[in-house]
Amino acid sequence: MAVLIRNGEIINADSRFHADILVEGEIISRIGKDIEAPAGATVIDAKGKYVFPGFIDPHVHIHLPFMGTLTKDTYETASIAALAGGTTTLIEMICPSRADDPWASYELWRSKAEGKSACDFTFHMGVTRFDGKTADQLKKIVSVGVASFKVFLAYKGAFGVTDEELYQTLKLGRQLGVITTAHCENPELVAVLQQELVASGKTGPEFHHESRPPLVEAEGVHHLMTFAEMTGAHVYVVHLSCEEALREATRARERGVKAWVETLIQYLVTDKTFAERPNFEGAKFVMSPPLRDKKNQPILWNGLQQGFIHTLATDHAPFDFKGQKEMGRSDFTKIPNGIPSLEDRVTLLYTHGVKTGKLDLQRFVEVASTGAARLFGLHPRKGTIGVGADADLVVWHPDAPGMISAKTHHMNIDYSAFEGWKTIGKPEVVTVRGEVAFQSGQFLGKVGRGKFLAREATHGE
């Protein structure tokens, strides 16, 4: 069935204009003025509303074994939550342990999503070791459409790679034309600092930050940039949190390193005092890298607007407070890392970015959708409103009030990091490849309709 969206203001990363959008099948077939509705078409009046391309979250965890426990979301709950917030495409991190087989891990993660997601999805392939069998398996994974890697310069002994493994991964990435995403911290420094803090009785969640201070993150970024420069690889820093780390990435780009930067919504709107809340409440906000001093926020906002930071993600990691975060009551190093933010990323970015003048609308679309589509081989199929593109569309009410709460969110987790926060602006209608999936606060889509998005490697020389 055709869908006609009338009278809206279309906002792309590179354009802004009023027009109608005709959707036939799964794609946008026509954009223009006064388009006549085909017989039987669903007509949506978007007068006074923005129409955005479907948003893309380039960094989520849905299935994640971590610190002896497992994330609470499934693809059903996570994809519905994503759609409620206007996100129509997810890129999940496949995170095998060092002992796991890469191809088997790819098959496991994909099995968790296939036939279970209401929105489209793809993956970054985690490389947690590099031995004699790794290269052939990674080549096979790239051949089926997973055109990006993920390495951890952290979590020593669990996900973390050695320098030799990092070098080999980046070298292979350049050879295959894939981009390598990286968690950047110095794992040796983290391990030593954690040991010292716990030994001195500093075991609460407020000390998590002190075990991974800004210089530890900055050193990790510097380390990645050195290896990227030596290999010519294309790299992408995930969840950058502070001025010191951004400085290292910017300096590397200035000398020609092919590097891009992601930050997270929580670094823009919360700070380290959240993790210092009493009675173990701070555990809800333990993540790595940690929440930083508030002085970093204007630097990150400016980086997004000026183009020093290229994408805005969540690193969505849904661990319950009760029974999961509580594993670290006597030792902060045992608190599962991360917060649930998949559903709230776009409304928070709009509320605290666009409505306060920190971001213009076109840059808003770039960092929340188009930038990720370009970097990860999805553009122009995703991330833009154009003829021939997938009809992933968000009709956005620019002034609608809202409130975030665990009582009303769709994520399968027992708390909200933004409980009681007021928002301005929200998605009224969300389509996925031409079908209305969310409207007026109600999920109308189909669980299982979401497709795996095979991507071509586009980061070759």
Protein backbone atom coordinates (compact mmCIF):
# COMPACT_ATOMS: atom_id res chain seq x y z
CA MET A 1 0.00 0.00 0.00
CA ALA A 2 1.24 3.48 -0.88
CA VAL A 3 1.84 6.15 1.77
CA LEU A 4 1.67 9.89 1.06
CA ILE A 5 3.11 12.33 3.57
CA ARG A 6 1.80 15.81 2.79
CA ASN A 7 2.74 19.35 3.74
CA GLY A 8 5.79 18.58 5.87
CA GLU A 9 9.13 20.34 5.98
CA ILE A 10 11.76 17.85 4.82
CA ILE A 11 15.05 18.13 6.69
CA ASN A 12 18.09 16.42 5.18
CA ALA A 13 21.68 16.94 6.25
CA ASP A 14 22.26 19.02 3.11
CA SER A 15 18.83 20.50 2.36
CA ARG A 16 15.63 21.84 3.84
CA PHE A 17 12.37 22.38 1.92
CA HIS A 18 8.59 21.88 1.98
CA ALA A 19 7.27 19.05 -0.16
CA ASP A 20 5.12 15.94 -0.24
CA ILE A 21 6.66 12.45 -0.13
CA LEU A 22 5.12 9.50 -1.96
CA VAL A 23 6.09 6.03 -0.81
CA GLU A 24 5.34 3.02 -3.01
CA GLY A 25 6.46 -0.39 -1.90
CA GLU A 26 9.44 0.03 0.39
CA ILE A 27 11.02 3.09 -1.23
CA ILE A 28 10.43 6.78 -1.80
CA SER A 29 9.10 7.05 -5.34
CA ARG A 30 8.44 10.78 -5.64
CA ILE A 31 9.08 14.05 -3.82
CA GLY A 32 7.28 17.20 -4.93
CA LYS A 33 4.46 19.68 -4.47
CA ASP A 34 0.80 18.70 -4.44
CA ILE A 35 1.27 15.01 -5.19
CA GLU A 36 -2.04 13.28 -5.79
CA ALA A 37 -2.68 10.29 -3.53
CA PRO A 38 -2.94 6.97 -5.35
CA ALA A 39 -6.12 4.98 -4.77
CA GLY A 40 -6.05 3.31 -1.36
CA ALA A 41 -3.00 5.22 -0.16
CA THR A 42 -2.50 6.05 3.51
CA VAL A 43 -2.32 9.85 3.72
CA ILE A 44 -0.46 11.51 6.60
CA ASP A 45 -0.79 15.27 7.08
CA ALA A 46 2.55 16.65 8.29
CA LYS A 47 1.63 20.34 8.22
CA GLY A 48 3.64 22.20 10.83
CA LYS A 49 5.88 19.14 11.32
CA TYR A 50 9.38 18.20 10.28
CA VAL A 51 10.02 15.07 8.25
CA PHE A 52 13.40 13.51 9.01
CA PRO A 53 15.09 10.46 7.52
CA GLY A 54 14.91 7.52 9.90
CA PHE A 55 17.55 7.85 12.58
CA ILE A 56 20.47 5.42 12.86
CA ASP A 57 22.09 4.36 16.11
CA PRO A 58 25.60 3.23 15.13
CA HIS A 59 26.52 1.66 18.47
CA VAL A 60 24.19 -0.56 20.48
CA HIS A 61 24.43 -3.72 22.56
CA ILE A 62 21.36 -5.93 22.61
CA HIS A 63 22.80 -9.40 23.13
CA LEU A 64 25.84 -8.95 25.39
CA PRO A 65 27.32 -11.40 27.87
CA PHE A 66 29.32 -9.16 30.22
CA MET A 67 30.77 -9.53 33.70
CA GLY A 68 29.00 -12.83 34.27
CA THR A 69 25.55 -11.61 33.30
CA LEU A 70 23.51 -10.89 30.16
CA THR A 71 21.74 -7.80 28.88
CA LYS A 72 17.96 -7.72 29.41
CA ASP A 73 16.71 -6.48 26.05
CA THR A 74 15.83 -8.79 23.17
CA TYR A 75 15.60 -7.62 19.58
CA GLU A 76 11.85 -7.43 20.01
CA THR A 77 11.98 -5.06 22.98
CA ALA A 78 14.99 -3.10 21.71
CA SER A 79 13.67 -2.57 18.19
CA ILE A 80 10.27 -1.40 19.44
CA ALA A 81 12.02 0.99 21.83
CA ALA A 82 14.18 2.26 18.98
CA LEU A 83 11.13 2.95 16.81
CA ALA A 84 9.37 4.73 19.67
CA GLY A 85 12.27 7.18 19.65
CA GLY A 86 12.49 7.54 15.86
CA THR A 87 15.45 5.21 15.29
CA THR A 88 14.83 2.87 12.34
CA THR A 89 18.25 1.23 11.94
CA LEU A 90 20.49 -0.34 14.58
CA ILE A 91 24.16 -1.25 14.29
CA GLU A 92 24.98 -3.75 17.00
CA MET A 93 28.42 -4.67 18.30
CA ILE A 94 29.20 -8.39 18.08
CA CYS A 95 31.37 -8.97 21.15
CA PRO A 96 32.82 -12.48 21.36
CA SER A 97 35.16 -13.39 24.17
CA ARG A 98 38.78 -14.09 23.32
CA ALA A 99 38.03 -17.81 23.38
CA ASP A 100 35.12 -17.63 20.93
CA ASP A 101 35.18 -18.45 17.24
CA PRO A 102 34.50 -15.33 15.07
CA TRP A 103 32.20 -17.00 12.52
CA ALA A 104 30.23 -18.83 15.21
CA SER A 105 29.87 -15.54 17.09
CA TYR A 106 28.59 -13.79 13.98
CA GLU A 107 26.02 -16.55 13.48
CA LEU A 108 24.96 -16.37 17.13
CA TRP A 109 24.45 -12.59 17.13
CA ARG A 110 22.60 -12.68 13.83
CA SER A 111 20.33 -15.46 15.10
CA LYS A 112 19.32 -13.20 17.98
CA ALA A 113 18.10 -10.59 15.48
CA GLU A 114 16.85 -12.47 12.42
CA GLY A 115 13.07 -12.75 12.45
CA LYS A 116 12.86 -10.93 15.78
CA SER A 117 13.48 -7.25 14.97
CA ALA A 118 10.87 -4.66 14.05
CA CYS A 119 13.49 -2.35 12.51
CA ASP A 120 16.45 -2.92 10.20
CA PHE A 121 19.81 -3.92 11.63
CA THR A 122 23.43 -4.69 10.88
CA PHE A 123 26.61 -5.33 12.86
CA HIS A 124 30.17 -4.34 13.67
CA MET A 125 32.26 -7.51 14.00
CA GLY A 126 34.23 -7.61 17.23
CA VAL A 127 37.82 -8.79 16.85
CA THR A 128 38.94 -9.96 20.27
CA ARG A 129 41.92 -12.05 19.18
CA PHE A 130 43.95 -12.45 16.00
CA ASP A 131 45.52 -15.82 15.34
CA GLY A 132 46.19 -18.05 12.33
CA LYS A 133 42.50 -18.66 11.64
CA THR A 134 41.17 -15.14 12.24
CA ALA A 135 41.88 -13.50 8.89
CA ASP A 136 40.00 -16.08 6.81
CA GLN A 137 36.99 -15.95 9.11
CA LEU A 138 36.90 -12.16 9.07
CA LYS A 139 37.11 -12.16 5.27
CA LYS A 140 34.11 -14.49 5.19
CA ILE A 141 32.18 -12.23 7.57
CA VAL A 142 32.95 -9.17 5.44
CA SER A 143 31.84 -11.08 2.32
CA VAL A 144 28.33 -11.51 3.77
CA GLY A 145 27.97 -7.79 4.38
CA VAL A 146 29.48 -6.91 7.76
CA ALA A 147 31.78 -4.13 6.60
CA SER A 148 33.20 -2.88 9.90
CA PHE A 149 35.28 -4.27 12.76
CA LYS A 150 35.36 -3.46 16.47
CA VAL A 151 38.41 -3.67 18.73
CA PHE A 152 38.72 -3.04 22.45
CA LEU A 153 41.75 -1.22 23.81
CA ALA A 154 40.27 -2.02 27.22
CA TYR A 155 38.88 -4.94 29.24
CA LYS A 156 42.21 -6.70 29.52
CA GLY A 157 41.80 -10.47 29.51
CA ALA A 158 38.18 -10.34 28.31
CA PHE A 159 37.66 -8.44 25.03
CA GLY A 160 40.96 -6.55 24.83
CA VAL A 161 43.51 -7.12 22.04
CA THR A 162 47.28 -6.96 22.22
CA ASP A 163 49.24 -4.44 20.19
CA GLU A 164 50.22 -7.13 17.71
CA GLU A 165 46.57 -8.11 17.31
CA LEU A 166 45.59 -4.48 16.89
CA TYR A 167 48.20 -4.05 14.16
CA GLN A 168 47.06 -7.17 12.31
CA THR A 169 43.39 -6.21 12.56
CA LEU A 170 43.98 -2.70 11.20
CA LYS A 171 46.21 -4.05 8.45
CA LEU A 172 43.50 -6.50 7.38
CA GLY A 173 40.87 -3.77 7.67
CA ARG A 174 42.75 -1.59 5.25
CA GLN A 175 43.24 -4.52 2.88
CA LEU A 176 39.51 -5.31 2.89
CA GLY A 177 38.36 -1.68 2.82
CA VAL A 178 36.51 -1.85 6.12
CA ILE A 179 36.55 0.72 8.90
CA THR A 180 37.65 -0.41 12.37
CA THR A 181 35.77 1.02 15.33
CA ALA A 182 37.61 1.12 18.64
CA HIS A 183 37.01 1.46 22.36
CA CYS A 184 39.98 3.58 23.40
CA GLU A 185 41.43 3.39 26.90
CA ASN A 186 44.81 2.21 28.17
CA PRO A 187 44.00 -1.23 29.64
CA GLU A 188 47.22 -1.51 31.64
CA LEU A 189 46.59 1.79 33.42
CA VAL A 190 42.96 0.86 34.09
CA ALA A 191 43.98 -2.47 35.64
CA VAL A 192 46.59 -0.86 37.90
CA LEU A 193 44.31 1.98 39.00
CA GLN A 194 41.44 -0.39 39.74
CA GLN A 195 43.70 -2.57 41.87
CA GLU A 196 45.05 0.40 43.82
CA LEU A 197 41.61 1.89 44.50
CA VAL A 198 39.99 -1.36 45.66
CA ALA A 199 43.01 -2.22 47.83
CA SER A 200 42.65 1.15 49.58
CA GLY A 201 38.96 0.56 50.32
CA LYS A 202 37.63 2.83 47.57
CA THR A 203 35.04 0.41 46.26
CA GLY A 204 31.92 2.52 45.55
CA PRO A 205 30.67 3.45 42.07
CA GLU A 206 31.98 6.99 42.54
CA PHE A 207 35.51 5.61 42.19
CA HIS A 208 34.90 4.11 38.76
CA HIS A 209 35.80 7.47 37.21
CA GLU A 210 39.09 7.61 39.10
CA SER A 211 40.08 4.22 37.64
CA ARG A 212 39.62 5.55 34.09
CA PRO A 213 40.41 9.30 34.17
CA PRO A 214 40.46 11.42 31.00
CA LEU A 215 44.17 10.93 30.37
CA VAL A 216 43.65 7.15 30.24
CA GLU A 217 41.09 7.63 27.47
CA ALA A 218 43.24 10.19 25.67
CA GLU A 219 46.21 7.81 25.74
CA GLY A 220 44.01 5.09 24.22
CA VAL A 221 42.96 7.41 21.39
CA HIS A 222 46.58 8.43 20.81
CA HIS A 223 47.53 4.75 20.71
CA LEU A 224 44.87 3.93 18.11
CA MET A 225 45.88 6.92 15.98
CA THR A 226 49.53 5.81 15.98
CA PHE A 227 48.55 2.37 14.68
CA ALA A 228 46.10 3.84 12.16
CA GLU A 229 48.79 6.15 10.83
CA MET A 230 51.26 3.28 10.50
CA THR A 231 48.83 0.99 8.69
CA GLY A 232 46.78 3.52 6.72
CA ALA A 233 43.63 2.02 8.17
CA HIS A 234 40.35 3.90 8.52
CA VAL A 235 39.34 4.09 12.19
CA TYR A 236 36.38 5.30 14.24
CA VAL A 237 36.60 6.16 17.93
CA VAL A 238 33.48 5.00 19.74
CA HIS A 239 31.96 6.76 22.76
CA LEU A 240 34.49 9.60 23.08
CA SER A 241 33.77 11.41 26.34
CA CYS A 242 36.20 14.25 27.01
CA GLU A 243 38.25 17.17 25.73
CA GLU A 244 41.59 15.36 26.14
CA ALA A 245 40.52 12.45 23.95
CA LEU A 246 38.96 14.74 21.33
CA ARG A 247 42.19 16.70 21.14
CA GLU A 248 44.13 13.53 20.28
CA ALA A 249 41.66 12.55 17.57
CA THR A 250 41.60 16.06 16.09
CA ARG A 251 45.39 16.30 15.98
CA ALA A 252 45.55 12.96 14.18
CA ARG A 253 42.99 14.05 11.58
CA GLU A 254 44.95 17.26 11.04
CA ARG A 255 48.02 15.24 10.10
CA GLY A 256 46.04 13.09 7.70
CA VAL A 257 44.99 10.08 9.75
CA LYS A 258 41.71 8.69 8.42
CA ALA A 259 39.75 8.87 11.66
CA TRP A 260 36.20 9.67 12.71
CA VAL A 261 34.66 10.26 16.13
CA GLU A 262 31.46 9.23 17.89
CA THR A 263 30.10 10.55 21.16
CA LEU A 264 27.10 9.47 23.22
CA ILE A 265 23.96 11.27 24.28
CA GLN A 266 24.71 10.67 27.97
CA TYR A 267 28.03 12.55 27.77
CA LEU A 268 26.14 15.59 26.48
CA VAL A 269 23.45 15.76 29.16
CA THR A 270 24.80 14.03 32.31
CA ASP A 271 28.09 14.25 34.19
CA LYS A 272 30.20 12.44 36.77
CA THR A 273 28.10 13.64 39.70
CA PHE A 274 25.36 11.21 38.57
CA ALA A 275 27.70 8.29 39.32
CA GLU A 276 28.42 9.82 42.74
CA ARG A 277 24.81 9.61 43.94
CA PRO A 278 24.50 8.02 47.41
CA ASN A 279 23.08 4.63 48.42
CA PHE A 280 24.61 2.93 45.38
CA GLU A 281 22.31 4.89 43.04
CA GLY A 282 25.43 6.00 41.22
CA ALA A 283 25.84 2.45 39.89
CA LYS A 284 23.06 3.18 37.41
CA PHE A 285 25.46 5.56 35.68
CA VAL A 286 28.63 3.44 35.61
CA MET A 287 29.93 3.10 32.06
CA SER A 288 33.28 3.10 30.29
CA PRO A 289 34.60 5.61 29.54
CA PRO A 290 32.92 7.16 32.60
CA LEU A 291 30.72 10.21 32.75
CA ARG A 292 33.02 13.23 32.91
CA ASP A 293 33.20 16.62 34.54
CA LYS A 294 30.46 18.92 33.24
CA LYS A 295 33.03 21.25 31.68
CA ASN A 296 33.36 18.75 28.82
CA GLN A 297 29.77 19.17 27.69
CA PRO A 298 30.11 22.46 25.76
CA ILE A 299 33.24 21.09 24.10
CA LEU A 300 31.39 18.00 22.89
CA TRP A 301 28.37 20.02 21.73
CA ASN A 302 30.66 22.34 19.80
CA GLY A 303 32.46 19.33 18.34
CA LEU A 304 29.17 17.98 17.01
CA GLN A 305 28.11 21.29 15.48
CA GLN A 306 31.52 22.09 13.96
CA GLY A 307 32.18 18.61 12.59
CA PHE A 308 35.01 17.49 14.88
CA ILE A 309 32.61 14.79 16.13
CA HIS A 310 30.76 12.95 13.40
CA THR A 311 28.05 10.79 14.96
CA LEU A 312 25.85 10.56 18.06
CA ALA A 313 25.17 7.08 19.47
CA THR A 314 24.01 5.45 22.69
CA ASP A 315 26.22 2.43 23.47
CA HIS A 316 22.87 1.09 24.72
CA ALA A 317 23.63 -1.52 27.40
CA PRO A 318 20.46 -2.64 29.21
CA PHE A 319 21.45 -4.09 32.58
CA ASP A 320 18.92 -3.96 35.41
CA PHE A 321 19.78 -2.05 38.56
CA LYS A 322 18.37 -4.80 40.76
CA GLY A 323 20.28 -8.04 40.53
CA GLN A 324 22.75 -6.89 37.84
CA LYS A 325 24.25 -3.52 38.69
CA GLU A 326 24.01 -4.71 42.30
CA MET A 327 26.66 -7.34 41.56
CA GLY A 328 29.18 -4.59 42.26
CA ARG A 329 27.87 -3.35 45.62
CA SER A 330 31.15 -4.16 47.35
CA ASP A 331 33.43 -3.60 44.34
CA PHE A 332 32.82 -1.08 41.55
CA THR A 333 34.90 -3.17 39.13
CA LYS A 334 32.08 -5.77 39.16
CA ILE A 335 29.30 -3.38 38.13
CA PRO A 336 28.09 -4.20 34.59
CA ASN A 337 28.93 -1.18 32.47
CA GLY A 338 26.48 0.93 30.48
CA ILE A 339 23.06 2.54 30.59
CA PRO A 340 19.79 2.15 28.66
CA SER A 341 19.41 5.08 26.26
CA LEU A 342 18.26 3.67 22.90
CA GLU A 343 14.74 5.03 23.18
CA ASP A 344 15.72 8.51 24.38
CA ARG A 345 18.73 9.47 22.21
CA VAL A 346 16.93 11.49 19.55
CA THR A 347 14.44 13.31 21.79
CA LEU A 348 17.24 14.29 24.19
CA LEU A 349 19.44 15.46 21.31
CA TYR A 350 16.59 17.55 19.94
CA THR A 351 15.56 18.93 23.35
CA HIS A 352 19.05 19.81 24.58
CA GLY A 353 20.67 20.48 21.22
CA VAL A 354 18.24 21.90 18.67
CA LYS A 355 15.86 23.67 21.05
CA THR A 356 18.73 25.34 22.91
CA GLY A 357 20.51 26.46 19.73
CA LYS A 358 23.53 24.18 20.13
CA LEU A 359 22.72 22.30 16.92
CA ASP A 360 20.96 23.42 13.77
CA LEU A 361 18.39 21.05 12.28
CA GLN A 362 20.55 19.89 9.39
CA ARG A 363 23.48 19.09 11.64
CA PHE A 364 21.03 17.28 13.92
CA VAL A 365 20.12 15.00 11.02
CA GLU A 366 23.77 14.56 10.07
CA VAL A 367 24.96 13.39 13.49
CA ALA A 368 21.90 11.27 14.32
CA SER A 369 21.42 9.63 10.91
CA THR A 370 23.28 10.63 7.75
CA GLY A 371 26.81 10.56 9.15
CA ALA A 372 26.48 6.97 10.30
CA ALA A 373 24.87 5.97 6.99
CA ARG A 374 27.81 7.41 5.06
CA LEU A 375 30.52 5.95 7.30
CA PHE A 376 29.07 2.46 7.47
CA GLY A 377 28.02 1.82 3.89
CA LEU A 378 24.29 2.50 4.18
CA HIS A 379 24.01 5.78 2.25
CA PRO A 380 21.99 6.73 0.18
CA ARG A 381 19.74 3.77 0.93
CA LYS A 382 19.49 5.03 4.51
CA GLY A 383 20.09 8.38 6.16
CA THR A 384 18.48 10.65 3.59
CA ILE A 385 15.10 11.51 2.11
CA GLY A 386 15.49 11.07 -1.62
CA VAL A 387 13.86 9.25 -4.52
CA GLY A 388 14.96 5.61 -4.47
CA ALA A 389 15.94 5.63 -0.78
CA ASP A 390 14.32 3.27 1.69
CA ALA A 391 11.17 4.87 3.05
CA ASP A 392 12.40 5.17 6.64
CA LEU A 393 10.75 8.40 7.68
CA VAL A 394 10.03 10.25 10.91
CA VAL A 395 7.23 12.84 11.08
CA TRP A 396 8.33 14.97 14.02
CA HIS A 397 6.22 17.30 16.13
CA PRO A 398 8.65 20.13 16.93
CA ASP A 399 7.04 21.33 20.16
CA ALA A 400 5.27 18.33 21.69
CA PRO A 401 5.98 17.99 25.41
CA GLY A 402 7.11 14.69 26.84
CA MET A 403 8.49 13.05 29.96
CA ILE A 404 10.91 10.13 30.23
CA SER A 405 10.14 7.37 32.71
CA ALA A 406 10.82 3.68 33.25
CA LYS A 407 7.07 3.32 33.75
CA THR A 408 6.38 4.18 30.12
CA HIS A 409 9.51 3.23 28.18
CA HIS A 410 9.64 0.17 25.93
CA MET A 411 13.12 -1.02 26.90
CA ASN A 412 13.16 -4.19 29.01
CA ILE A 413 14.97 -2.70 31.99
CA ASP A 414 13.99 -1.66 35.49
CA TYR A 415 15.20 1.94 35.50
CA SER A 416 15.63 5.01 33.33
CA ALA A 417 18.81 7.05 33.45
CA PHE A 418 16.67 10.10 32.69
CA GLU A 419 13.75 9.46 35.05
CA GLY A 420 11.36 12.41 35.16
CA TRP A 421 13.22 14.47 32.55
CA LYS A 422 11.02 16.69 30.42
CA THR A 423 11.50 16.75 26.65
CA ILE A 424 10.33 18.94 23.78
CA GLY A 425 9.58 17.42 20.39
CA LYS A 426 8.85 13.81 19.53
CA PRO A 427 8.13 11.45 16.64
CA GLU A 428 4.46 11.28 15.71
CA VAL A 429 4.78 8.81 12.84
CA VAL A 430 7.69 6.45 12.10
CA THR A 431 7.86 4.32 8.95
CA VAL A 432 10.23 1.45 8.21
CA ARG A 433 10.62 0.76 4.49
CA GLY A 434 7.24 2.23 3.73
CA GLU A 435 5.15 0.71 6.52
CA VAL A 436 3.91 2.72 9.48
CA ALA A 437 5.64 1.14 12.47
CA PHE A 438 4.87 3.69 15.17
CA GLN A 439 2.17 6.32 15.38
CA SER A 440 0.80 8.50 18.18
CA GLY A 441 2.70 6.55 20.81
CA GLN A 442 1.55 3.13 19.61
CA PHE A 443 3.61 0.36 18.02
CA LEU A 444 1.90 -0.65 14.77
CA GLY A 445 4.74 -2.50 13.10
CA LYS A 446 5.60 -6.16 12.76
CA VAL A 447 8.16 -7.92 14.91
CA GLY A 448 10.37 -9.85 12.51
CA ARG A 449 9.95 -7.47 9.58
CA GLY A 450 13.32 -5.85 10.21
CA LYS A 451 15.98 -6.88 7.70
CA PHE A 452 19.69 -7.54 8.00
CA LEU A 453 21.45 -4.83 6.00
CA ALA A 454 24.37 -6.22 4.02
CA ARG A 455 26.94 -3.49 3.45
CA GLU A 456 29.80 -3.09 1.02
CA ALA A 457 33.26 -2.18 2.24
CA THR A 458 33.74 1.46 1.22
CA HIS A 459 36.91 2.43 3.08
CA GLY A 460 39.44 1.27 0.53
CA GLU A 461 42.14 3.44 -0.94
